[in-house]
């Protein structure tokens, strides 16, 4: 397997592991750099946004028929999905 090194310019913002998985730590921006075994590099700008402090539905209720699915829009760009199951 070819080796590579992954590095975050600001680990207080985002960390990156040896497989390239990036984990946000706190809101802000940083650069992730990958260096291959033969010295080639690539960089990616990463922006970490704060997690929402609350979510709320855009409607007070839905009617869902057994076995059917309804998509519900949630404020702040988050989505959820509900499926009614027979009792």
PDB file of N, CA and C in Angstrom:
ATOM      1  N   UNK A   1       0.839  -1.181   0.000  1.00  0.00           N
ATOM      2  CA  UNK A   1       0.000   0.000   0.000  1.00  0.00           C
ATOM      3  C   UNK A   1       0.885   1.245   0.000  1.00  0.00           C
ATOM      4  N   UNK A   2       0.478   2.214  -0.771  1.00  0.00           N
ATOM      5  CA  UNK A   2       1.236   3.455  -0.828  1.00  0.00           C
ATOM      6  C   UNK A   2       0.931   4.304   0.400  1.00  0.00           C
ATOM      7  N   UNK A   3       1.955   4.870   0.988  1.00  0.00           N
ATOM      8  CA  UNK A   3       1.786   5.684   2.180  1.00  0.00           C
ATOM      9  C   UNK A   3       1.544   7.131   1.799  1.00  0.00           C
ATOM     10  N   UNK A   4       0.855   7.816   2.683  1.00  0.00           N
ATOM     11  CA  UNK A   4       0.635   9.243   2.513  1.00  0.00           C
ATOM     12  C   UNK A   4       0.557   9.874   3.891  1.00  0.00           C
ATOM     13  N   UNK A   5       0.747  11.169   3.942  1.00  0.00           N
ATOM     14  CA  UNK A   5       0.649  11.907   5.199  1.00  0.00           C
ATOM     15  C   UNK A   5      -0.460  12.934   5.040  1.00  0.00           C
ATOM     16  N   UNK A   6      -1.333  13.003   6.031  1.00  0.00           N
ATOM     17  CA  UNK A   6      -2.422  13.967   6.048  1.00  0.00           C
ATOM     18  C   UNK A   6      -2.174  14.930   7.191  1.00  0.00           C
ATOM     19  N   UNK A   7      -2.375  16.223   6.936  1.00  0.00           N
ATOM     20  CA  UNK A   7      -2.109  17.207   7.974  1.00  0.00           C
ATOM     21  C   UNK A   7      -3.148  18.314   7.924  1.00  0.00           C
ATOM     22  N   UNK A   8      -3.596  18.727   9.108  1.00  0.00           N
ATOM     23  CA  UNK A   8      -4.475  19.881   9.248  1.00  0.00           C
ATOM     24  C   UNK A   8      -3.628  21.069   9.673  1.00  0.00           C
ATOM     25  N   UNK A   9      -3.853  22.213   9.028  1.00  0.00           N
ATOM     26  CA  UNK A   9      -3.115  23.422   9.402  1.00  0.00           C
ATOM     27  C   UNK A   9      -3.556  23.947  10.756  1.00  0.00           C
ATOM     28  N   UNK A  10      -4.760  23.586  11.194  1.00  0.00           N
ATOM     29  CA  UNK A  10      -5.277  24.045  12.494  1.00  0.00           C
ATOM     30  C   UNK A  10      -6.082  22.912  13.132  1.00  0.00           C
ATOM     31  N   UNK A  11      -5.406  22.071  13.915  1.00  0.00           N
ATOM     32  CA  UNK A  11      -6.088  20.947  14.546  1.00  0.00           C
ATOM     33  C   UNK A  11      -7.118  21.367  15.578  1.00  0.00           C
ATOM     34  N   UNK A  12      -7.065  22.627  16.016  1.00  0.00           N
ATOM     35  CA  UNK A  12      -8.103  23.128  16.921  1.00  0.00           C
ATOM     36  C   UNK A  12      -9.425  23.317  16.177  1.00  0.00           C
ATOM     37  N   UNK A  13      -9.378  23.386  14.837  1.00  0.00           N
ATOM     38  CA  UNK A  13     -10.569  23.537  14.000  1.00  0.00           C
ATOM     39  C   UNK A  13     -11.012  22.184  13.454  1.00  0.00           C
ATOM     40  N   UNK A  14     -10.103  21.440  12.848  1.00  0.00           N
ATOM     41  CA  UNK A  14     -10.409  20.130  12.273  1.00  0.00           C
ATOM     42  C   UNK A  14      -9.184  19.238  12.335  1.00  0.00           C
ATOM     43  N   UNK A  15      -9.425  17.967  12.642  1.00  0.00           N
ATOM     44  CA  UNK A  15      -8.352  16.975  12.684  1.00  0.00           C
ATOM     45  C   UNK A  15      -8.519  16.035  11.503  1.00  0.00           C
ATOM     46  N   UNK A  16      -7.422  15.467  11.034  1.00  0.00           N
ATOM     47  CA  UNK A  16      -7.465  14.496   9.938  1.00  0.00           C
ATOM     48  C   UNK A  16      -6.632  13.288  10.338  1.00  0.00           C
ATOM     49  N   UNK A  17      -7.176  12.088  10.076  1.00  0.00           N
ATOM     50  CA  UNK A  17      -6.435  10.878  10.446  1.00  0.00           C
ATOM     51  C   UNK A  17      -5.660  10.343   9.243  1.00  0.00           C
ATOM     52  N   UNK A  18      -4.952   9.240   9.448  1.00  0.00           N
ATOM     53  CA  UNK A  18      -4.116   8.660   8.412  1.00  0.00           C
ATOM     54  C   UNK A  18      -4.877   8.168   7.196  1.00  0.00           C
ATOM     55  N   UNK A  19      -6.175   7.945   7.342  1.00  0.00           N
ATOM     56  CA  UNK A  19      -7.007   7.510   6.213  1.00  0.00           C
ATOM     57  C   UNK A  19      -7.627   8.675   5.460  1.00  0.00           C
ATOM     58  N   UNK A  20      -7.429   9.888   5.979  1.00  0.00           N
ATOM     59  CA  UNK A  20      -7.998  11.060   5.327  1.00  0.00           C
ATOM     60  C   UNK A  20      -9.350  11.482   5.859  1.00  0.00           C
ATOM     61  N   UNK A  21      -9.828  10.843   6.923  1.00  0.00           N
ATOM     62  CA  UNK A  21     -11.100  11.225   7.527  1.00  0.00           C
ATOM     63  C   UNK A  21     -10.915  12.519   8.309  1.00  0.00           C
ATOM     64  N   UNK A  22     -11.751  13.514   8.014  1.00  0.00           N
ATOM     65  CA  UNK A  22     -11.659  14.816   8.666  1.00  0.00           C
ATOM     66  C   UNK A  22     -12.752  14.914   9.720  1.00  0.00           C
ATOM     67  N   UNK A  23     -12.376  15.346  10.937  1.00  0.00           N
ATOM     68  CA  UNK A  23     -13.330  15.533  12.027  1.00  0.00           C
ATOM     69  C   UNK A  23     -13.319  16.982  12.449  1.00  0.00           C
ATOM     70  N   UNK A  24     -14.482  17.618  12.386  1.00  0.00           N
ATOM     71  CA  UNK A  24     -14.599  18.989  12.849  1.00  0.00           C
ATOM     72  C   UNK A  24     -14.473  19.059  14.355  1.00  0.00           C
ATOM     73  N   UNK A  25     -13.757  20.051  14.863  1.00  0.00           N
ATOM     74  CA  UNK A  25     -13.566  20.230  16.299  1.00  0.00           C
ATOM     75  C   UNK A  25     -14.353  21.444  16.781  1.00  0.00           C
ATOM     76  N   UNK A  26     -14.217  22.563  16.071  1.00  0.00           N
ATOM     77  CA  UNK A  26     -14.984  23.759  16.395  1.00  0.00           C
ATOM     78  C   UNK A  26     -15.132  24.592  15.126  1.00  0.00           C
ATOM     79  N   UNK A  27     -16.034  25.543  15.163  1.00  0.00           N
ATOM     80  CA  UNK A  27     -16.304  26.369  13.986  1.00  0.00           C
ATOM     81  C   UNK A  27     -15.064  27.146  13.569  1.00  0.00           C
ATOM     82  N   UNK A  28     -14.849  27.202  12.262  1.00  0.00           N
ATOM     83  CA  UNK A  28     -13.717  27.937  11.712  1.00  0.00           C
ATOM     84  C   UNK A  28     -13.259  27.321  10.407  1.00  0.00           C
ATOM     85  N   UNK A  29     -12.145  27.789   9.910  1.00  0.00           N
ATOM     86  CA  UNK A  29     -11.621  27.284   8.651  1.00  0.00           C
ATOM     87  C   UNK A  29     -10.185  26.834   8.797  1.00  0.00           C
ATOM     88  N   UNK A  30      -9.809  25.843   8.014  1.00  0.00           N
ATOM     89  CA  UNK A  30      -8.439  25.348   8.000  1.00  0.00           C
ATOM     90  C   UNK A  30      -8.145  24.740   6.641  1.00  0.00           C
ATOM     91  N   UNK A  31      -6.927  24.295   6.454  1.00  0.00           N
ATOM     92  CA  UNK A  31      -6.518  23.644   5.219  1.00  0.00           C
ATOM     93  C   UNK A  31      -6.012  22.252   5.551  1.00  0.00           C
ATOM     94  N   UNK A  32      -6.486  21.273   4.802  1.00  0.00           N
ATOM     95  CA  UNK A  32      -6.016  19.895   4.934  1.00  0.00           C
ATOM     96  C   UNK A  32      -5.060  19.642   3.773  1.00  0.00           C
ATOM     97  N   UNK A  33      -3.871  19.159   4.089  1.00  0.00           N
ATOM     98  CA  UNK A  33      -2.870  18.873   3.066  1.00  0.00           C
ATOM     99  C   UNK A  33      -2.542  17.390   3.076  1.00  0.00           C
ATOM    100  N   UNK A  34      -2.504  16.808   1.896  1.00  0.00           N
ATOM    101  CA  UNK A  34      -2.124  15.406   1.720  1.00  0.00           C
ATOM    102  C   UNK A  34      -0.797  15.385   0.967  1.00  0.00           C
ATOM    103  N   UNK A  35       0.136  14.613   1.486  1.00  0.00           N
ATOM    104  CA  UNK A  35       1.429  14.432   0.820  1.00  0.00           C
ATOM    105  C   UNK A  35       1.599  12.947   0.538  1.00  0.00           C
ATOM    106  N   UNK A  36       1.830  12.589  -0.718  1.00  0.00           N
ATOM    107  CA  UNK A  36       1.992  11.189  -1.088  1.00  0.00           C
ATOM    108  C   UNK A  36       3.391  10.694  -0.764  1.00  0.00           C
ATOM    109  N   UNK A  37       3.602   9.394  -0.902  1.00  0.00           N
ATOM    110  CA  UNK A  37       4.889   8.778  -0.601  1.00  0.00           C
ATOM    111  C   UNK A  37       6.023   9.351  -1.453  1.00  0.00           C
ATOM    112  N   UNK A  38       5.684   9.891  -2.661  1.00  0.00           N
ATOM    113  CA  UNK A  38       6.738  10.422  -3.530  1.00  0.00           C
ATOM    114  C   UNK A  38       6.783  11.953  -3.536  1.00  0.00           C
ATOM    115  N   UNK A  39       6.183  12.580  -2.514  1.00  0.00           N
ATOM    116  CA  UNK A  39       6.318  14.022  -2.346  1.00  0.00           C
ATOM    117  C   UNK A  39       5.294  14.899  -3.034  1.00  0.00           C
ATOM    118  N   UNK A  40       4.324  14.317  -3.737  1.00  0.00           N
ATOM    119  CA  UNK A  40       3.269  15.120  -4.364  1.00  0.00           C
ATOM    120  C   UNK A  40       2.292  15.577  -3.289  1.00  0.00           C
ATOM    121  N   UNK A  41       1.809  16.810  -3.413  1.00  0.00           N
ATOM    122  CA  UNK A  41       0.888  17.337  -2.410  1.00  0.00           C
ATOM    123  C   UNK A  41      -0.385  17.869  -3.056  1.00  0.00           C
ATOM    124  N   UNK A  42      -1.433  17.874  -2.262  1.00  0.00           N
ATOM    125  CA  UNK A  42      -2.709  18.482  -2.633  1.00  0.00           C
ATOM    126  C   UNK A  42      -3.299  19.070  -1.367  1.00  0.00           C
ATOM    127  N   UNK A  43      -4.018  20.174  -1.512  1.00  0.00           N
ATOM    128  CA  UNK A  43      -4.597  20.841  -0.344  1.00  0.00           C
ATOM    129  C   UNK A  43      -6.082  21.090  -0.578  1.00  0.00           C
ATOM    130  N   UNK A  44      -6.828  21.111   0.500  1.00  0.00           N
ATOM    131  CA  UNK A  44      -8.261  21.333   0.459  1.00  0.00           C
ATOM    132  C   UNK A  44      -8.635  22.269   1.597  1.00  0.00           C
ATOM    133  N   UNK A  45      -9.376  23.310   1.285  1.00  0.00           N
ATOM    134  CA  UNK A  45      -9.885  24.195   2.335  1.00  0.00           C
ATOM    135  C   UNK A  45     -11.113  23.558   2.960  1.00  0.00           C
ATOM    136  N   UNK A  46     -11.178  23.583   4.279  1.00  0.00           N
ATOM    137  CA  UNK A  46     -12.291  22.995   5.018  1.00  0.00           C
ATOM    138  C   UNK A  46     -12.890  24.058   5.928  1.00  0.00           C
ATOM    139  N   UNK A  47     -14.201  24.179   5.895  1.00  0.00           N
ATOM    140  CA  UNK A  47     -14.911  25.078   6.808  1.00  0.00           C
ATOM    141  C   UNK A  47     -15.765  24.233   7.735  1.00  0.00           C
ATOM    142  N   UNK A  48     -15.573  24.388   9.024  1.00  0.00           N
ATOM    143  CA  UNK A  48     -16.372  23.697  10.027  1.00  0.00           C
ATOM    144  C   UNK A  48     -17.411  24.695  10.533  1.00  0.00           C
ATOM    145  N   UNK A  49     -18.676  24.301  10.477  1.00  0.00           N
ATOM    146  CA  UNK A  49     -19.745  25.170  10.961  1.00  0.00           C
ATOM    147  C   UNK A  49     -20.248  24.646  12.302  1.00  0.00           C
ATOM    148  N   UNK A  50     -20.723  25.553  13.117  1.00  0.00           N
ATOM    149  CA  UNK A  50     -21.234  25.177  14.439  1.00  0.00           C
ATOM    150  C   UNK A  50     -22.476  24.312  14.289  1.00  0.00           C
ATOM    151  N   UNK A  51     -22.594  23.321  15.149  1.00  0.00           N
ATOM    152  CA  UNK A  51     -23.789  22.482  15.168  1.00  0.00           C
ATOM    153  C   UNK A  51     -24.982  23.324  15.599  1.00  0.00           C
ATOM    154  N   UNK A  52     -26.167  23.019  15.077  1.00  0.00           N
ATOM    155  CA  UNK A  52     -27.331  23.803  15.475  1.00  0.00           C
ATOM    156  C   UNK A  52     -27.615  23.630  16.963  1.00  0.00           C
ATOM    157  N   UNK A  53     -28.086  24.684  17.580  1.00  0.00           N
ATOM    158  CA  UNK A  53     -28.434  24.605  19.004  1.00  0.00           C
ATOM    159  C   UNK A  53     -29.845  24.072  19.190  1.00  0.00           C
ATOM    160  N   UNK A  54     -30.651  24.125  18.129  1.00  0.00           N
ATOM    161  CA  UNK A  54     -31.991  23.542  18.163  1.00  0.00           C
ATOM    162  C   UNK A  54     -32.460  23.341  16.738  1.00  0.00           C
ATOM    163  N   UNK A  55     -33.446  22.485  16.573  1.00  0.00           N
ATOM    164  CA  UNK A  55     -34.103  22.302  15.288  1.00  0.00           C
ATOM    165  C   UNK A  55     -35.601  22.391  15.523  1.00  0.00           C
ATOM    166  N   UNK A  56     -36.327  22.788  14.504  1.00  0.00           N
ATOM    167  CA  UNK A  56     -37.774  22.901  14.613  1.00  0.00           C
ATOM    168  C   UNK A  56     -38.400  22.536  13.283  1.00  0.00           C
ATOM    169  N   UNK A  57     -39.539  21.870  13.320  1.00  0.00           N
ATOM    170  CA  UNK A  57     -40.255  21.538  12.102  1.00  0.00           C
ATOM    171  C   UNK A  57     -40.899  22.782  11.519  1.00  0.00           C
ATOM    172  N   UNK A  58     -41.070  22.789  10.192  1.00  0.00           N
ATOM    173  CA  UNK A  58     -41.738  23.897   9.515  1.00  0.00           C
ATOM    174  C   UNK A  58     -43.256  23.753   9.563  1.00  0.00           C
ATOM    175  N   UNK A  59     -43.752  22.649  10.104  1.00  0.00           N
ATOM    176  CA  UNK A  59     -45.190  22.418  10.221  1.00  0.00           C
ATOM    177  C   UNK A  59     -45.473  21.820  11.589  1.00  0.00           C
ATOM    178  N   UNK A  60     -46.705  21.969  12.043  1.00  0.00           N
ATOM    179  CA  UNK A  60     -47.049  21.457  13.378  1.00  0.00           C
ATOM    180  C   UNK A  60     -47.428  19.990  13.361  1.00  0.00           C
ATOM    181  N   UNK A  61     -47.754  19.429  12.190  1.00  0.00           N
ATOM    182  CA  UNK A  61     -48.123  18.017  12.138  1.00  0.00           C
ATOM    183  C   UNK A  61     -48.278  17.525  10.713  1.00  0.00           C
ATOM    184  N   UNK A  62     -48.208  16.212  10.547  1.00  0.00           N
ATOM    185  CA  UNK A  62     -48.368  15.568   9.251  1.00  0.00           C
ATOM    186  C   UNK A  62     -49.265  14.364   9.407  1.00  0.00           C
ATOM    187  N   UNK A  63     -49.975  14.015   8.346  1.00  0.00           N
ATOM    188  CA  UNK A  63     -50.706  12.759   8.291  1.00  0.00           C
ATOM    189  C   UNK A  63     -49.911  11.820   7.406  1.00  0.00           C
ATOM    190  N   UNK A  64     -49.574  10.664   7.959  1.00  0.00           N
ATOM    191  CA  UNK A  64     -48.798   9.676   7.223  1.00  0.00           C
ATOM    192  C   UNK A  64     -49.574   8.372   7.243  1.00  0.00           C
ATOM    193  N   UNK A  65     -49.784   7.794   6.081  1.00  0.00           N
ATOM    194  CA  UNK A  65     -50.504   6.532   5.988  1.00  0.00           C
ATOM    195  C   UNK A  65     -49.553   5.372   6.226  1.00  0.00           C
ATOM    196  N   UNK A  66     -50.076   4.274   6.801  1.00  0.00           N
ATOM    197  CA  UNK A  66     -49.252   3.106   7.118  1.00  0.00           C
ATOM    198  C   UNK A  66     -48.436   2.660   5.916  1.00  0.00           C
ATOM    199  N   UNK A  67     -47.154   2.455   6.129  1.00  0.00           N
ATOM    200  CA  UNK A  67     -46.257   1.988   5.092  1.00  0.00           C
ATOM    201  C   UNK A  67     -45.768   3.060   4.139  1.00  0.00           C
ATOM    202  N   UNK A  68     -46.241   4.278   4.275  1.00  0.00           N
ATOM    203  CA  UNK A  68     -45.831   5.374   3.411  1.00  0.00           C
ATOM    204  C   UNK A  68     -44.812   6.242   4.137  1.00  0.00           C
ATOM    205  N   UNK A  69     -44.082   7.050   3.378  1.00  0.00           N
ATOM    206  CA  UNK A  69     -43.046   7.906   3.924  1.00  0.00           C
ATOM    207  C   UNK A  69     -43.342   9.344   3.558  1.00  0.00           C
ATOM    208  N   UNK A  70     -43.071  10.253   4.479  1.00  0.00           N
ATOM    209  CA  UNK A  70     -43.203  11.677   4.198  1.00  0.00           C
ATOM    210  C   UNK A  70     -41.890  12.354   4.553  1.00  0.00           C
ATOM    211  N   UNK A  71     -41.412  13.242   3.685  1.00  0.00           N
ATOM    212  CA  UNK A  71     -40.223  14.034   3.978  1.00  0.00           C
ATOM    213  C   UNK A  71     -40.662  15.320   4.653  1.00  0.00           C
ATOM    214  N   UNK A  72     -40.000  15.676   5.710  1.00  0.00           N
ATOM    215  CA  UNK A  72     -40.362  16.890   6.440  1.00  0.00           C
ATOM    216  C   UNK A  72     -39.189  17.846   6.419  1.00  0.00           C
ATOM    217  N   UNK A  73     -39.430  19.060   5.977  1.00  0.00           N
ATOM    218  CA  UNK A  73     -38.382  20.071   5.971  1.00  0.00           C
ATOM    219  C   UNK A  73     -38.217  20.611   7.384  1.00  0.00           C
ATOM    220  N   UNK A  74     -36.993  20.786   7.792  1.00  0.00           N
ATOM    221  CA  UNK A  74     -36.693  21.291   9.123  1.00  0.00           C
ATOM    222  C   UNK A  74     -35.887  22.566   8.971  1.00  0.00           C
ATOM    223  N   UNK A  75     -36.140  23.551   9.791  1.00  0.00           N
ATOM    224  CA  UNK A  75     -35.413  24.815   9.728  1.00  0.00           C
ATOM    225  C   UNK A  75     -33.914  24.586   9.885  1.00  0.00           C
ATOM    226  N   UNK A  76     -33.106  25.489   9.376  1.00  0.00           N
ATOM    227  CA  UNK A  76     -31.640  25.468   9.411  1.00  0.00           C
ATOM    228  C   UNK A  76     -31.058  24.467   8.439  1.00  0.00           C
ATOM    229  N   UNK A  77     -31.839  24.035   7.447  1.00  0.00           N
ATOM    230  CA  UNK A  77     -31.302  23.176   6.414  1.00  0.00           C
ATOM    231  C   UNK A  77     -31.211  21.702   6.765  1.00  0.00           C
ATOM    232  N   UNK A  78     -31.605  21.317   7.943  1.00  0.00           N
ATOM    233  CA  UNK A  78     -31.570  19.907   8.311  1.00  0.00           C
ATOM    234  C   UNK A  78     -32.829  19.229   7.805  1.00  0.00           C
ATOM    235  N   UNK A  79     -32.721  17.980   7.447  1.00  0.00           N
ATOM    236  CA  UNK A  79     -33.863  17.214   6.958  1.00  0.00           C
ATOM    237  C   UNK A  79     -34.067  16.011   7.846  1.00  0.00           C
ATOM    238  N   UNK A  80     -35.301  15.554   7.903  1.00  0.00           N
ATOM    239  CA  UNK A  80     -35.606  14.325   8.599  1.00  0.00           C
ATOM    240  C   UNK A  80     -36.636  13.573   7.776  1.00  0.00           C
ATOM    241  N   UNK A  81     -36.811  12.301   8.041  1.00  0.00           N
ATOM    242  CA  UNK A  81     -37.767  11.501   7.311  1.00  0.00           C
ATOM    243  C   UNK A  81     -38.525  10.632   8.294  1.00  0.00           C
ATOM    244  N   UNK A  82     -39.825  10.522   8.100  1.00  0.00           N
ATOM    245  CA  UNK A  82     -40.646   9.710   8.987  1.00  0.00           C
ATOM    246  C   UNK A  82     -41.370   8.656   8.155  1.00  0.00           C
ATOM    247  N   UNK A  83     -41.443   7.442   8.667  1.00  0.00           N
ATOM    248  CA  UNK A  83     -42.193   6.377   8.014  1.00  0.00           C
ATOM    249  C   UNK A  83     -43.182   5.824   9.016  1.00  0.00           C
ATOM    250  N   UNK A  84     -44.460   5.746   8.610  1.00  0.00           N
ATOM    251  CA  UNK A  84     -45.489   5.192   9.490  1.00  0.00           C
ATOM    252  C   UNK A  84     -45.473   3.680   9.332  1.00  0.00           C
ATOM    253  N   UNK A  85     -45.484   2.977  10.433  1.00  0.00           N
ATOM    254  CA  UNK A  85     -45.495   1.528  10.412  1.00  0.00           C
ATOM    255  C   UNK A  85     -46.778   1.032  11.075  1.00  0.00           C
ATOM    256  N   UNK A  86     -47.421  -0.014  10.510  1.00  0.00           N
ATOM    257  CA  UNK A  86     -48.633  -0.535  11.146  1.00  0.00           C
ATOM    258  C   UNK A  86     -48.344  -1.071  12.533  1.00  0.00           C
ATOM    259  N   UNK A  87     -49.319  -0.950  13.413  1.00  0.00           N
ATOM    260  CA  UNK A  87     -49.146  -1.475  14.776  1.00  0.00           C
ATOM    261  C   UNK A  87     -49.355  -2.950  14.809  1.00  0.00           C
TER     262      UNK A  87
END
